[in-house]
């Protein structure tokens, strides 16, 4: 289940550096007065947000759930996927009416910024908690192997992200493309929530 969560998360999240950058280049009005903001600027937004809000969230997370039960800490994985889905839902809303073959229709850059904000919040909730849970729940003799497998899920997710980005031009509307990523996040989050709930009821997870 953790592997499925990780692959899904990174397959969607890594589109910030591929699909979202292409959208910023082709379908976003980047003109500010006499200046045109480079499309690659999009890739600097996520690191900037991580630096500015990551420290605050990390202290909050440690204080709230650092010593909590595994089941409570898994809530962060659920909300991380949920927020990532919200970010791509914003992209789907902002790109309504835009078809890949027509670059004359533009969307506001605010859709991109707020989408990246939601995705960044999801990343800050998801990635540290999953890494910590894997390290804490893994058998001591196999901990290194599990962490290698965790790294492999990130690589597989990145590969799937690139594959998905290559399909962007084949959809009839950009909103459909981003809606698929949204539904993928929310569906896997729902499956995860049901699984955790079932384990809690059977007393196999505390």
N, C-alpha and C. Protein backbone atom coordinates (compact mmCIF):
# COMPACT_ATOMS: atom_id res chain seq x y z
N UNK A 1 0.82 -1.20 0.00
CA UNK A 1 0.00 0.00 0.00
C UNK A 1 0.86 1.25 0.00
N UNK A 2 1.93 1.25 0.81
CA UNK A 2 2.83 2.40 0.83
C UNK A 2 3.45 2.63 -0.55
N UNK A 3 3.82 1.54 -1.20
CA UNK A 3 4.40 1.67 -2.54
C UNK A 3 3.42 2.26 -3.53
N UNK A 4 2.16 1.83 -3.47
CA UNK A 4 1.13 2.37 -4.35
C UNK A 4 0.92 3.85 -4.09
N UNK A 5 0.90 4.22 -2.81
CA UNK A 5 0.76 5.63 -2.46
C UNK A 5 1.90 6.46 -3.03
N UNK A 6 3.13 5.97 -2.83
CA UNK A 6 4.31 6.73 -3.25
C UNK A 6 4.37 6.88 -4.76
N UNK A 7 4.13 5.80 -5.49
CA UNK A 7 4.19 5.87 -6.95
C UNK A 7 3.14 6.84 -7.48
N UNK A 8 1.93 6.77 -6.94
CA UNK A 8 0.87 7.68 -7.38
C UNK A 8 1.22 9.13 -7.07
N UNK A 9 1.72 9.36 -5.85
CA UNK A 9 2.04 10.73 -5.46
C UNK A 9 3.10 11.33 -6.36
N UNK A 10 4.21 10.61 -6.57
CA UNK A 10 5.30 11.18 -7.36
C UNK A 10 4.96 11.25 -8.85
N UNK A 11 4.13 10.33 -9.32
CA UNK A 11 3.72 10.39 -10.73
C UNK A 11 2.93 11.66 -11.02
N UNK A 12 2.15 12.11 -10.04
CA UNK A 12 1.38 13.34 -10.22
C UNK A 12 2.23 14.56 -9.86
N UNK A 13 2.90 14.50 -8.72
CA UNK A 13 3.65 15.67 -8.24
C UNK A 13 4.74 16.09 -9.22
N UNK A 14 5.45 15.14 -9.79
CA UNK A 14 6.57 15.48 -10.68
C UNK A 14 6.13 16.14 -11.97
N UNK A 15 4.83 16.19 -12.21
CA UNK A 15 4.36 16.92 -13.38
C UNK A 15 4.53 18.43 -13.23
N UNK A 16 4.83 18.87 -12.01
CA UNK A 16 5.12 20.29 -11.82
C UNK A 16 6.32 20.71 -12.66
N UNK A 17 7.24 19.79 -12.87
CA UNK A 17 8.43 20.10 -13.66
C UNK A 17 8.29 19.76 -15.13
N UNK A 18 7.18 19.16 -15.51
CA UNK A 18 7.00 18.77 -16.91
C UNK A 18 5.71 19.35 -17.47
N UNK A 19 4.58 18.74 -17.19
CA UNK A 19 3.30 19.19 -17.75
C UNK A 19 2.99 20.63 -17.37
N UNK A 20 3.16 20.96 -16.09
CA UNK A 20 2.80 22.30 -15.63
C UNK A 20 3.71 23.35 -16.26
N UNK A 21 4.98 23.02 -16.44
CA UNK A 21 5.91 23.95 -17.08
C UNK A 21 5.53 24.18 -18.54
N UNK A 22 5.09 23.11 -19.22
CA UNK A 22 4.64 23.26 -20.60
C UNK A 22 3.38 24.12 -20.68
N UNK A 23 2.49 23.94 -19.72
CA UNK A 23 1.29 24.76 -19.69
C UNK A 23 1.65 26.23 -19.48
N UNK A 24 2.60 26.47 -18.56
CA UNK A 24 3.04 27.85 -18.31
C UNK A 24 3.65 28.47 -19.56
N UNK A 25 4.33 27.66 -20.36
CA UNK A 25 4.97 28.18 -21.56
C UNK A 25 3.96 28.48 -22.66
N UNK A 26 2.95 27.62 -22.80
CA UNK A 26 2.07 27.72 -23.96
C UNK A 26 0.73 28.40 -23.66
N UNK A 27 0.22 28.23 -22.47
CA UNK A 27 -1.17 28.62 -22.22
C UNK A 27 -1.35 29.61 -21.08
N UNK A 28 -0.28 30.24 -20.62
CA UNK A 28 -0.37 31.21 -19.53
C UNK A 28 0.14 32.55 -20.02
N UNK A 29 -0.59 33.59 -19.66
CA UNK A 29 -0.16 34.94 -20.01
C UNK A 29 0.94 35.36 -19.04
N UNK A 30 2.17 35.36 -19.51
CA UNK A 30 3.33 35.64 -18.67
C UNK A 30 3.88 37.06 -18.85
N UNK A 31 3.09 37.87 -19.49
CA UNK A 31 3.53 39.24 -19.76
C UNK A 31 3.17 40.16 -18.59
N UNK A 32 4.18 40.77 -17.98
CA UNK A 32 3.98 41.74 -16.91
C UNK A 32 4.59 43.07 -17.35
N UNK A 33 3.75 43.95 -17.87
CA UNK A 33 4.27 45.20 -18.40
C UNK A 33 5.17 44.94 -19.58
N UNK A 34 6.38 45.50 -19.55
CA UNK A 34 7.31 45.28 -20.67
C UNK A 34 8.09 43.97 -20.55
N UNK A 35 7.88 43.24 -19.45
CA UNK A 35 8.67 42.03 -19.21
C UNK A 35 7.82 40.78 -19.42
N UNK A 36 8.48 39.73 -19.89
CA UNK A 36 7.84 38.42 -20.01
C UNK A 36 8.57 37.44 -19.09
N UNK A 37 7.83 36.88 -18.15
CA UNK A 37 8.42 35.94 -17.21
C UNK A 37 8.73 34.62 -17.92
N UNK A 38 9.94 34.09 -17.82
CA UNK A 38 10.27 32.81 -18.46
C UNK A 38 9.40 31.68 -17.89
N UNK A 39 9.03 30.73 -18.74
CA UNK A 39 8.21 29.61 -18.29
C UNK A 39 8.92 28.76 -17.24
N UNK A 40 10.26 28.71 -17.33
CA UNK A 40 11.02 27.94 -16.36
C UNK A 40 10.93 28.46 -14.95
N UNK A 41 10.42 29.70 -14.80
CA UNK A 41 10.23 30.28 -13.47
C UNK A 41 9.32 29.42 -12.61
N UNK A 42 8.43 28.68 -13.25
CA UNK A 42 7.50 27.81 -12.53
C UNK A 42 8.25 26.81 -11.64
N UNK A 43 9.39 26.33 -12.13
CA UNK A 43 10.13 25.33 -11.37
C UNK A 43 10.81 25.90 -10.13
N UNK A 44 10.86 27.21 -10.01
CA UNK A 44 11.44 27.83 -8.82
C UNK A 44 10.41 28.08 -7.73
N UNK A 45 9.12 27.99 -8.09
CA UNK A 45 8.07 28.30 -7.12
C UNK A 45 8.00 27.26 -6.02
N UNK A 46 8.05 25.99 -6.40
CA UNK A 46 7.98 24.93 -5.39
C UNK A 46 9.14 24.96 -4.39
N UNK A 47 10.41 25.04 -4.83
CA UNK A 47 11.50 25.15 -3.85
C UNK A 47 11.37 26.38 -2.95
N UNK A 48 10.92 27.51 -3.51
CA UNK A 48 10.74 28.70 -2.70
C UNK A 48 9.70 28.47 -1.61
N UNK A 49 8.62 27.83 -1.95
CA UNK A 49 7.57 27.56 -0.97
C UNK A 49 8.04 26.55 0.08
N UNK A 50 8.82 25.56 -0.35
CA UNK A 50 9.35 24.59 0.61
C UNK A 50 10.22 25.28 1.66
N UNK A 51 11.06 26.19 1.19
CA UNK A 51 11.96 26.91 2.11
C UNK A 51 11.18 27.82 3.04
N UNK A 52 10.18 28.51 2.52
CA UNK A 52 9.47 29.53 3.31
C UNK A 52 8.48 28.93 4.30
N UNK A 53 7.82 27.84 3.94
CA UNK A 53 6.82 27.30 4.86
C UNK A 53 7.19 25.92 5.41
N UNK A 54 8.25 25.32 4.88
CA UNK A 54 8.62 23.98 5.32
C UNK A 54 9.06 23.92 6.77
N UNK A 55 9.81 24.91 7.22
CA UNK A 55 10.30 24.89 8.60
C UNK A 55 9.14 24.96 9.58
N UNK A 56 8.18 25.85 9.31
CA UNK A 56 7.03 25.98 10.20
C UNK A 56 6.24 24.68 10.28
N UNK A 57 5.98 24.07 9.13
CA UNK A 57 5.21 22.84 9.12
C UNK A 57 5.96 21.69 9.78
N UNK A 58 7.28 21.67 9.63
CA UNK A 58 8.05 20.58 10.25
C UNK A 58 7.98 20.65 11.76
N UNK A 59 8.07 21.85 12.32
CA UNK A 59 7.96 21.99 13.77
C UNK A 59 6.56 21.61 14.25
N UNK A 60 5.56 22.01 13.51
CA UNK A 60 4.19 21.65 13.86
C UNK A 60 3.99 20.14 13.82
N UNK A 61 4.55 19.51 12.78
CA UNK A 61 4.38 18.07 12.63
C UNK A 61 5.05 17.31 13.76
N UNK A 62 6.26 17.73 14.12
CA UNK A 62 6.98 17.06 15.19
C UNK A 62 6.24 17.22 16.51
N UNK A 63 5.72 18.39 16.76
CA UNK A 63 5.04 18.63 18.03
C UNK A 63 3.70 17.90 18.11
N UNK A 64 2.99 17.79 16.97
CA UNK A 64 1.68 17.19 16.98
C UNK A 64 1.70 15.67 16.88
N UNK A 65 2.51 15.15 15.94
CA UNK A 65 2.43 13.72 15.67
C UNK A 65 3.78 13.03 15.71
N UNK A 66 4.81 13.71 16.10
CA UNK A 66 6.12 13.09 16.08
C UNK A 66 6.20 11.86 16.96
N UNK A 67 5.45 11.88 18.08
CA UNK A 67 5.44 10.73 18.97
C UNK A 67 4.09 10.04 18.96
N UNK A 68 3.26 10.32 17.97
CA UNK A 68 1.93 9.74 17.91
C UNK A 68 1.95 8.33 17.38
N UNK A 69 0.76 7.72 17.35
CA UNK A 69 0.65 6.36 16.86
C UNK A 69 0.80 6.34 15.35
N UNK A 70 1.09 5.14 14.83
CA UNK A 70 1.28 5.01 13.39
C UNK A 70 0.00 5.36 12.64
N UNK A 71 -1.15 4.95 13.17
CA UNK A 71 -2.40 5.21 12.47
C UNK A 71 -2.69 6.70 12.39
N UNK A 72 -2.36 7.46 13.44
CA UNK A 72 -2.57 8.90 13.39
C UNK A 72 -1.61 9.57 12.43
N UNK A 73 -0.40 9.09 12.38
CA UNK A 73 0.58 9.68 11.47
C UNK A 73 0.24 9.38 10.02
N UNK A 74 -0.48 8.29 9.80
CA UNK A 74 -0.90 7.97 8.43
C UNK A 74 -1.91 8.98 7.90
N UNK A 75 -2.56 9.70 8.81
CA UNK A 75 -3.48 10.75 8.35
C UNK A 75 -2.76 11.78 7.48
N UNK A 76 -1.48 11.99 7.77
CA UNK A 76 -0.71 12.96 6.99
C UNK A 76 -0.55 12.48 5.55
N UNK A 77 -0.42 11.17 5.36
CA UNK A 77 -0.32 10.65 4.00
C UNK A 77 -1.61 10.89 3.24
N UNK A 78 -2.73 10.66 3.92
CA UNK A 78 -4.05 10.87 3.30
C UNK A 78 -4.22 12.33 2.90
N UNK A 79 -3.93 13.24 3.82
CA UNK A 79 -4.13 14.66 3.52
C UNK A 79 -3.11 15.17 2.50
N UNK A 80 -1.91 14.57 2.48
CA UNK A 80 -0.93 14.95 1.48
C UNK A 80 -1.42 14.65 0.07
N UNK A 81 -1.97 13.44 -0.12
CA UNK A 81 -2.53 13.08 -1.43
C UNK A 81 -3.75 13.93 -1.75
N UNK A 82 -4.55 14.21 -0.73
CA UNK A 82 -5.74 15.02 -0.93
C UNK A 82 -5.38 16.42 -1.42
N UNK A 83 -4.38 17.03 -0.78
CA UNK A 83 -3.97 18.38 -1.18
C UNK A 83 -3.34 18.40 -2.57
N UNK A 84 -2.58 17.36 -2.88
CA UNK A 84 -2.01 17.28 -4.23
C UNK A 84 -3.13 17.22 -5.26
N UNK A 85 -4.18 16.45 -4.97
CA UNK A 85 -5.33 16.38 -5.86
C UNK A 85 -6.03 17.73 -5.98
N UNK A 86 -6.10 18.48 -4.88
CA UNK A 86 -6.70 19.81 -4.92
C UNK A 86 -5.91 20.72 -5.85
N UNK A 87 -4.57 20.63 -5.77
CA UNK A 87 -3.74 21.44 -6.65
C UNK A 87 -4.01 21.18 -8.12
N UNK A 88 -4.15 19.92 -8.49
CA UNK A 88 -4.40 19.60 -9.89
C UNK A 88 -5.86 19.85 -10.27
N UNK A 89 -6.75 19.85 -9.27
CA UNK A 89 -8.12 20.25 -9.54
C UNK A 89 -8.17 21.73 -9.91
N UNK A 90 -7.34 22.54 -9.26
CA UNK A 90 -7.26 23.96 -9.62
C UNK A 90 -6.77 24.13 -11.05
N UNK A 91 -5.79 23.31 -11.44
CA UNK A 91 -5.31 23.37 -12.82
C UNK A 91 -6.41 22.97 -13.80
N UNK A 92 -7.19 21.96 -13.42
CA UNK A 92 -8.29 21.53 -14.28
C UNK A 92 -9.33 22.63 -14.43
N UNK A 93 -9.62 23.33 -13.35
CA UNK A 93 -10.58 24.44 -13.42
C UNK A 93 -10.03 25.60 -14.24
N UNK A 94 -8.76 25.91 -14.02
CA UNK A 94 -8.17 27.04 -14.73
C UNK A 94 -8.00 26.81 -16.21
N UNK A 95 -7.93 25.55 -16.62
CA UNK A 95 -7.70 25.24 -18.04
C UNK A 95 -8.97 24.86 -18.78
N UNK A 96 -10.13 25.07 -18.15
CA UNK A 96 -11.39 24.79 -18.84
C UNK A 96 -11.49 25.63 -20.12
N UNK A 97 -11.81 24.98 -21.21
CA UNK A 97 -11.94 25.68 -22.48
C UNK A 97 -10.67 25.75 -23.29
N UNK A 98 -9.55 25.27 -22.73
CA UNK A 98 -8.28 25.30 -23.45
C UNK A 98 -8.04 23.94 -24.11
N UNK A 99 -7.77 23.96 -25.39
CA UNK A 99 -7.43 22.75 -26.12
C UNK A 99 -5.95 22.79 -26.46
N UNK A 100 -5.28 21.64 -26.45
CA UNK A 100 -3.83 21.65 -26.68
C UNK A 100 -3.40 22.26 -28.01
N UNK A 101 -4.26 22.21 -29.01
CA UNK A 101 -3.87 22.70 -30.33
C UNK A 101 -4.01 24.21 -30.49
N UNK A 102 -4.60 24.88 -29.51
CA UNK A 102 -4.84 26.32 -29.62
C UNK A 102 -4.13 27.05 -28.48
N UNK A 103 -3.00 27.65 -28.79
CA UNK A 103 -2.22 28.36 -27.78
C UNK A 103 -2.63 29.82 -27.63
N UNK A 104 -3.68 30.22 -28.35
CA UNK A 104 -4.13 31.61 -28.23
C UNK A 104 -4.93 31.84 -26.96
N UNK A 105 -5.58 30.79 -26.45
CA UNK A 105 -6.37 30.91 -25.22
C UNK A 105 -5.42 30.82 -24.03
N UNK A 106 -5.49 31.80 -23.15
CA UNK A 106 -4.57 31.85 -22.02
C UNK A 106 -5.31 31.74 -20.69
N UNK A 107 -4.64 31.17 -19.69
CA UNK A 107 -5.17 31.10 -18.34
C UNK A 107 -4.34 31.99 -17.43
N UNK A 108 -4.92 32.39 -16.32
CA UNK A 108 -4.22 33.26 -15.38
C UNK A 108 -3.09 32.51 -14.69
N UNK A 109 -1.99 33.21 -14.44
CA UNK A 109 -0.85 32.59 -13.75
C UNK A 109 -1.20 32.27 -12.31
N UNK A 110 -2.27 32.87 -11.76
CA UNK A 110 -2.67 32.60 -10.38
C UNK A 110 -3.10 31.14 -10.19
N UNK A 111 -3.71 30.56 -11.23
CA UNK A 111 -4.07 29.15 -11.14
C UNK A 111 -2.82 28.29 -10.93
N UNK A 112 -1.75 28.62 -11.62
CA UNK A 112 -0.50 27.87 -11.50
C UNK A 112 0.08 28.02 -10.09
N UNK A 113 0.13 29.25 -9.60
CA UNK A 113 0.74 29.51 -8.30
C UNK A 113 -0.01 28.79 -7.18
N UNK A 114 -1.33 28.91 -7.18
CA UNK A 114 -2.10 28.27 -6.11
C UNK A 114 -2.09 26.75 -6.24
N UNK A 115 -2.02 26.25 -7.46
CA UNK A 115 -1.90 24.81 -7.66
C UNK A 115 -0.58 24.29 -7.10
N UNK A 116 0.50 25.01 -7.35
CA UNK A 116 1.80 24.62 -6.82
C UNK A 116 1.81 24.74 -5.30
N UNK A 117 1.12 25.74 -4.75
CA UNK A 117 1.03 25.87 -3.29
C UNK A 117 0.37 24.64 -2.67
N UNK A 118 -0.73 24.21 -3.23
CA UNK A 118 -1.42 23.02 -2.71
C UNK A 118 -0.55 21.78 -2.85
N UNK A 119 0.12 21.64 -4.00
CA UNK A 119 0.99 20.49 -4.21
C UNK A 119 2.17 20.50 -3.25
N UNK A 120 2.70 21.68 -2.96
CA UNK A 120 3.83 21.79 -2.03
C UNK A 120 3.40 21.43 -0.61
N UNK A 121 2.24 21.90 -0.20
CA UNK A 121 1.72 21.52 1.12
C UNK A 121 1.53 20.00 1.20
N UNK A 122 1.03 19.42 0.11
CA UNK A 122 0.89 17.97 0.07
C UNK A 122 2.22 17.26 0.18
N UNK A 123 3.22 17.78 -0.51
CA UNK A 123 4.56 17.19 -0.44
C UNK A 123 5.13 17.25 0.97
N UNK A 124 4.96 18.38 1.65
CA UNK A 124 5.50 18.55 2.99
C UNK A 124 4.80 17.66 4.01
N UNK A 125 3.56 17.33 3.75
CA UNK A 125 2.85 16.40 4.64
C UNK A 125 3.17 14.95 4.31
N UNK A 126 3.31 14.66 3.02
CA UNK A 126 3.40 13.27 2.57
C UNK A 126 4.81 12.68 2.70
N UNK A 127 5.77 13.31 2.05
CA UNK A 127 7.09 12.70 1.91
C UNK A 127 7.80 12.43 3.24
N UNK A 128 7.89 13.40 4.17
CA UNK A 128 8.59 13.11 5.43
C UNK A 128 7.91 12.04 6.26
N UNK A 129 6.56 12.06 6.28
CA UNK A 129 5.84 11.09 7.10
C UNK A 129 5.98 9.67 6.56
N UNK A 130 5.89 9.52 5.24
CA UNK A 130 6.02 8.17 4.68
C UNK A 130 7.41 7.63 4.89
N UNK A 131 8.42 8.45 4.71
CA UNK A 131 9.79 8.02 4.96
C UNK A 131 9.98 7.60 6.41
N UNK A 132 9.41 8.38 7.34
CA UNK A 132 9.52 8.07 8.76
C UNK A 132 8.78 6.79 9.11
N UNK A 133 7.58 6.63 8.56
CA UNK A 133 6.79 5.43 8.84
C UNK A 133 7.49 4.17 8.32
N UNK A 134 8.02 4.26 7.12
CA UNK A 134 8.72 3.10 6.56
C UNK A 134 9.92 2.72 7.42
N UNK A 135 10.65 3.71 7.88
CA UNK A 135 11.81 3.44 8.71
C UNK A 135 11.41 2.85 10.06
N UNK A 136 10.30 3.34 10.62
CA UNK A 136 9.89 2.89 11.94
C UNK A 136 9.19 1.55 11.93
N UNK A 137 8.43 1.25 10.87
CA UNK A 137 7.65 0.02 10.83
C UNK A 137 8.39 -1.16 10.19
N UNK A 138 9.48 -0.89 9.50
CA UNK A 138 10.22 -1.96 8.82
C UNK A 138 10.97 -2.82 9.83
N UNK A 139 11.08 -4.13 9.57
CA UNK A 139 11.93 -4.98 10.41
C UNK A 139 13.37 -4.47 10.39
N UNK A 140 14.02 -4.53 11.53
CA UNK A 140 15.36 -3.94 11.65
C UNK A 140 16.34 -4.51 10.62
N UNK A 141 16.25 -5.81 10.36
CA UNK A 141 17.21 -6.44 9.45
C UNK A 141 16.94 -6.10 7.98
N UNK A 142 15.77 -5.58 7.70
CA UNK A 142 15.43 -5.30 6.31
C UNK A 142 15.17 -3.82 6.08
N UNK A 143 15.53 -3.00 7.04
CA UNK A 143 15.24 -1.57 6.94
C UNK A 143 15.93 -0.92 5.74
N UNK A 144 17.18 -1.28 5.52
CA UNK A 144 17.91 -0.70 4.39
C UNK A 144 17.27 -1.09 3.07
N UNK A 145 16.84 -2.35 2.95
CA UNK A 145 16.19 -2.81 1.73
C UNK A 145 14.88 -2.06 1.49
N UNK A 146 14.13 -1.85 2.56
CA UNK A 146 12.85 -1.13 2.43
C UNK A 146 13.09 0.31 1.99
N UNK A 147 14.12 0.95 2.52
CA UNK A 147 14.40 2.33 2.13
C UNK A 147 14.86 2.43 0.68
N UNK A 148 15.58 1.39 0.21
CA UNK A 148 15.95 1.36 -1.21
C UNK A 148 14.70 1.23 -2.07
N UNK A 149 13.76 0.39 -1.62
CA UNK A 149 12.51 0.22 -2.36
C UNK A 149 11.71 1.52 -2.37
N UNK A 150 11.77 2.27 -1.26
CA UNK A 150 11.09 3.57 -1.18
C UNK A 150 11.68 4.53 -2.21
N UNK A 151 13.01 4.52 -2.34
CA UNK A 151 13.65 5.37 -3.35
C UNK A 151 13.25 4.93 -4.76
N UNK A 152 13.08 3.63 -4.95
CA UNK A 152 12.71 3.12 -6.27
C UNK A 152 11.30 3.58 -6.66
N UNK A 153 10.41 3.72 -5.68
CA UNK A 153 9.06 4.19 -6.00
C UNK A 153 9.09 5.61 -6.53
N UNK A 154 10.00 6.42 -5.99
CA UNK A 154 10.14 7.79 -6.50
C UNK A 154 10.61 7.79 -7.95
N UNK A 155 11.55 6.89 -8.26
CA UNK A 155 12.03 6.78 -9.64
C UNK A 155 10.94 6.31 -10.58
N UNK A 156 10.16 5.31 -10.15
CA UNK A 156 9.06 4.82 -10.98
C UNK A 156 7.99 5.90 -11.16
N UNK A 157 7.72 6.63 -10.09
CA UNK A 157 6.74 7.71 -10.19
C UNK A 157 7.19 8.78 -11.17
N UNK A 158 8.47 9.11 -11.15
CA UNK A 158 9.00 10.11 -12.09
C UNK A 158 8.89 9.62 -13.53
N UNK A 159 9.17 8.34 -13.74
CA UNK A 159 9.04 7.77 -15.08
C UNK A 159 7.60 7.86 -15.58
N UNK A 160 6.65 7.49 -14.70
CA UNK A 160 5.24 7.57 -15.08
C UNK A 160 4.80 9.01 -15.31
N UNK A 161 5.38 9.94 -14.54
CA UNK A 161 5.07 11.34 -14.73
C UNK A 161 5.47 11.81 -16.11
N UNK A 162 6.68 11.44 -16.55
CA UNK A 162 7.12 11.80 -17.89
C UNK A 162 6.26 11.17 -18.97
N UNK A 163 5.84 9.93 -18.74
CA UNK A 163 4.96 9.26 -19.70
C UNK A 163 3.62 9.97 -19.81
N UNK A 164 3.08 10.36 -18.65
CA UNK A 164 1.80 11.07 -18.65
C UNK A 164 1.91 12.42 -19.34
N UNK A 165 3.02 13.11 -19.13
CA UNK A 165 3.21 14.42 -19.76
C UNK A 165 3.22 14.30 -21.27
N UNK A 166 3.77 13.20 -21.77
CA UNK A 166 3.79 12.99 -23.20
C UNK A 166 2.42 12.78 -23.81
N UNK A 167 1.44 12.46 -22.97
CA UNK A 167 0.07 12.24 -23.45
C UNK A 167 -0.78 13.51 -23.42
N UNK A 168 -0.22 14.60 -22.91
CA UNK A 168 -1.01 15.82 -22.74
C UNK A 168 -1.55 16.34 -24.07
N UNK A 169 -0.77 16.24 -25.12
CA UNK A 169 -1.22 16.75 -26.41
C UNK A 169 -2.29 15.92 -27.06
N UNK A 170 -2.55 14.72 -26.53
CA UNK A 170 -3.53 13.83 -27.15
C UNK A 170 -4.93 13.95 -26.59
N UNK A 171 -5.13 14.77 -25.58
CA UNK A 171 -6.46 14.93 -25.00
C UNK A 171 -7.19 16.07 -25.70
N UNK A 172 -8.52 16.02 -25.62
CA UNK A 172 -9.31 17.05 -26.29
C UNK A 172 -9.27 18.38 -25.55
N UNK A 173 -9.17 18.34 -24.22
CA UNK A 173 -9.10 19.55 -23.42
C UNK A 173 -8.11 19.35 -22.28
N UNK A 174 -7.37 20.40 -21.94
CA UNK A 174 -6.39 20.31 -20.87
C UNK A 174 -7.05 20.00 -19.53
N UNK A 175 -8.27 20.47 -19.34
CA UNK A 175 -8.96 20.23 -18.08
C UNK A 175 -9.15 18.73 -17.83
N UNK A 176 -9.37 17.97 -18.89
CA UNK A 176 -9.53 16.52 -18.75
C UNK A 176 -8.22 15.90 -18.30
N UNK A 177 -7.13 16.36 -18.88
CA UNK A 177 -5.81 15.83 -18.53
C UNK A 177 -5.52 16.01 -17.04
N UNK A 178 -5.74 17.21 -16.52
CA UNK A 178 -5.46 17.46 -15.11
C UNK A 178 -6.51 16.83 -14.20
N UNK A 179 -7.73 16.68 -14.69
CA UNK A 179 -8.77 16.01 -13.88
C UNK A 179 -8.42 14.54 -13.65
N UNK A 180 -7.76 13.91 -14.60
CA UNK A 180 -7.35 12.51 -14.43
C UNK A 180 -6.37 12.38 -13.27
N UNK A 181 -5.40 13.29 -13.20
CA UNK A 181 -4.44 13.27 -12.10
C UNK A 181 -5.14 13.53 -10.77
N UNK A 182 -6.10 14.44 -10.78
CA UNK A 182 -6.86 14.73 -9.56
C UNK A 182 -7.59 13.50 -9.06
N UNK A 183 -8.29 12.82 -9.97
CA UNK A 183 -9.05 11.64 -9.59
C UNK A 183 -8.15 10.52 -9.12
N UNK A 184 -6.97 10.39 -9.73
CA UNK A 184 -6.02 9.36 -9.31
C UNK A 184 -5.60 9.58 -7.86
N UNK A 185 -5.28 10.82 -7.51
CA UNK A 185 -4.88 11.13 -6.13
C UNK A 185 -6.00 10.84 -5.15
N UNK A 186 -7.19 11.30 -5.46
CA UNK A 186 -8.31 11.15 -4.54
C UNK A 186 -8.75 9.69 -4.42
N UNK A 187 -8.67 8.94 -5.53
CA UNK A 187 -9.06 7.53 -5.49
C UNK A 187 -8.11 6.73 -4.61
N UNK A 188 -6.81 6.92 -4.81
CA UNK A 188 -5.83 6.19 -4.01
C UNK A 188 -5.92 6.61 -2.55
N UNK A 189 -6.17 7.90 -2.30
CA UNK A 189 -6.34 8.37 -0.92
C UNK A 189 -7.54 7.70 -0.27
N UNK A 190 -8.63 7.54 -1.01
CA UNK A 190 -9.82 6.90 -0.46
C UNK A 190 -9.57 5.43 -0.17
N UNK A 191 -8.88 4.74 -1.08
CA UNK A 191 -8.55 3.33 -0.85
C UNK A 191 -7.67 3.18 0.38
N UNK A 192 -6.71 4.07 0.53
CA UNK A 192 -5.81 4.04 1.68
C UNK A 192 -6.59 4.28 2.98
N UNK A 193 -7.51 5.25 2.98
CA UNK A 193 -8.29 5.55 4.18
C UNK A 193 -9.14 4.36 4.59
N UNK A 194 -9.76 3.69 3.61
CA UNK A 194 -10.58 2.52 3.91
C UNK A 194 -9.72 1.38 4.46
N UNK A 195 -8.54 1.20 3.88
CA UNK A 195 -7.64 0.14 4.34
C UNK A 195 -7.19 0.38 5.78
N UNK A 196 -6.78 1.61 6.07
CA UNK A 196 -6.35 1.95 7.44
C UNK A 196 -7.49 1.76 8.42
N UNK A 197 -8.69 2.19 8.02
CA UNK A 197 -9.85 2.04 8.90
C UNK A 197 -10.14 0.58 9.20
N UNK A 198 -10.04 -0.27 8.17
CA UNK A 198 -10.27 -1.70 8.37
C UNK A 198 -9.23 -2.31 9.31
N UNK A 199 -7.98 -1.88 9.17
CA UNK A 199 -6.92 -2.38 10.05
C UNK A 199 -7.13 -1.92 11.48
N UNK A 200 -7.62 -0.72 11.65
CA UNK A 200 -7.91 -0.21 13.00
C UNK A 200 -9.01 -1.01 13.66
N UNK A 201 -10.04 -1.35 12.90
CA UNK A 201 -11.15 -2.12 13.46
C UNK A 201 -10.73 -3.53 13.84
N UNK A 202 -9.79 -4.09 13.08
CA UNK A 202 -9.32 -5.44 13.39
C UNK A 202 -8.17 -5.44 14.41
N UNK A 203 -7.83 -4.24 14.91
CA UNK A 203 -6.78 -4.11 15.93
C UNK A 203 -5.41 -4.55 15.45
N UNK A 204 -5.18 -4.49 14.13
CA UNK A 204 -3.84 -4.80 13.61
C UNK A 204 -3.01 -3.55 13.41
N UNK A 205 -3.62 -2.39 13.64
CA UNK A 205 -2.89 -1.13 13.51
C UNK A 205 -3.29 -0.24 14.65
N UNK A 206 -2.26 0.32 15.34
CA UNK A 206 -2.52 1.17 16.49
C UNK A 206 -1.80 2.51 16.31
